[in-house]
Amino acid sequence: MPRILLVDDERPNRRVLREIFEFEKFEVEEAEDGEIGLTKILSTDYDVILLDIKMPKKDGMEVLDGMRAAGKDTPVVVLSGHGNIETAIEAVKKGAYDYVPKPPDLNRILITVRNAMEKSSLVTETKTLRKKISSSKTREMVGSSLPMLKIKEMIDKVGPTEARVLITGDNGSGKELVARWLHEKSNRANGPLIEVNCAAIPSELIESELFGHEKGAFTSAVKTRLGKFEQAEGGTLFLDEIGDMSLNAQAKVLRALQENTITKVGGEKDIKVNVRVLAATNKDLHKEIEAGRFRMDLYHRLSVIEIKVPSLNQRKEDIPLLAKYFLTDICNEYAMPEKEFDEDALELLKNRNWTGNIRELRNIVERLIIMSGKSITVDDVKDYVSSFSLSTVGVDFDKFNGLNQFSDYMKRMFIENFLEKESWNVTKTAERLLISKVELNELMTNYGLIKR
C-alpha cells in the first residue's frame, strides 16, 4: 500500500485529503506543522509528500531544504494558496515535483500524486513496470472452459507478432489480464508494459498523459514531461477503455499509429516511437462510430486482431476453479491459514448472476474469507453475498431490525451494483445514481463499500 504524508497546518485540509487518499487505498500520515513534518520525513520512508507552503515553525521551503540536505529524494507535491504561486514555482525549481493550487481539484491532485510517485523518470518507471510484469507472470489465466481455451490459443498465436489487438468485453471480465499475457508472449516481453486507463484521465489531460508536454505548454507545466508513448519505447502500450477517449485525442493516436511519430503538447519536434499498441473497451465501438463518438479509421488501425473476452456468466464452469484460485491467493496475501469451500457453496456461487464478472467474484471470495470460519459454507454464501438473499434464496426479513435497517441494506446493494458495473469509477457511478461524487463517497464510507 503506497504511503503518503500530509504536511499542512490546516486540519480541515488534512481531513479532506486523508479521506480522498484513504479511499484510493493510500496509507496516510499527517503532520500539523513543518517541524513535525521534517522529523517524520527524515525518519520514515514515504512514496510521496504533500507539503503546504505557509506553516508555523518551519514553512514548506525550509522543509524542502532540510530533506534535500539530508539526501531525501521523496517526490514532493507543493500545496499553495493563490498568494503563494511564485513561492510554489520556486519550490519546484528546488526539486519539488509539482505544485497544486488550493483548494485542490480532486482529479488533478490524484493524477499529480500518481505521476509524482513515478518520479517522472524512465528509470523509476522501469522499476515500477518490472514489478508489474513480475506480478503478472505469477497470475494465471484460470479456466478450462471452451471460451477460455480459445482465448489462450489466440494469445499464443497473436502474442509473438507485432499485430495490434483490440480486446473487448464487459467490465471486470479480465481484459487487462489478456493484455498483460499478450505482452508476456511477445518479443517485447523484456521491455516495459505501460497501462493507461483512458476513462480515468480528464479529457483536458489525456494528450499530456499520452504524448508528454514541454515546459510552459500550460499553466502547471513547470517541467518537460515524458508521455506514455515514450515511456513504452521498445515495449507495449495498453490503452484501456479506449472508447472513452476524446475525438481530438483519437486523431493524435491515429497519427502515432500511422507514422510511429508523436509530438509533445506545446512542442514542435516530431519524436519517433517504437511501441506496440493494445487497446480495450467495454463499449460497442460500431455503435460509437455510428453516433460520431469514435473514429472508424482508428478502429480499423486498432483492430487488426480482435479478442472478445467472455463474461463470467458465459463461462460458469470456471467459477469453482476461479473461486479456489482467489481463495489461495487471498489467504497467502493475508498470511492466514488457507480455508476451503464446501462443494455446495461453490455450486451456489456457480449459479449466481455475475454482473461484475471476475472482479466481483474476487471481491466476494475475499469477503467470504474474512467473515467465514475454517470452511466456507452455503450459509456463509447466503449471509455474506447480498444478492443471494434477494434473487436466489429469498429475503430473510426476520433478520432486519425495522424498516430503516432494511432500507440501508437495499441502498448498499443498489450502490454496490452500479459501482461494479462502472468498475468502481466514482464519477461515472455518481452520474448513474444522479448524485454528486461527494455524496457517493459519503455513502460508500457509511456502508463500508471499498474496492477490493
Foldseek 3Di string as FASTA:
>chain_A
DAEEEEEALDVVLVVVVVLLVVLVVYHYHYHNFLVVVLVCQLVDDGLEYEAEADGPPDGRLRSLVSCVVVVNLRAYEYEYEPVCVVVQLVSVVSRHVFYAYPPGDSLVVVVSSVVVSCVQDLVSVLVVQVVVLVVLVVDDPFADDPLSVVLVVVLLVQLQDLAFEEEEEAAQLCSVSSVSSSQCNYPLVVFGEAEDEQQSHDQVCVLCQAAWAADPLDDGRNHTGHHPQASRASGEYEYEAPLPHAPVVLVQVLCCLVPCWHAHRVGDDIDHGDYRYYYYHHDDVVVCVVVVGHDPSSVVSRHPDYHYRYFCLVRLVRQVVLLQVLQVVVCVVVVHDGAEEDPVLSVVVSPDDCLLGSQVSSVQSNQQVVPDDRYRYNVSCCVRVLVCCPPPPHPPVVVADDDVRVVLSVVVVVLVSLCSSVVNPLCVSCVVVVHDSVVSSVSCVVNVPHRD
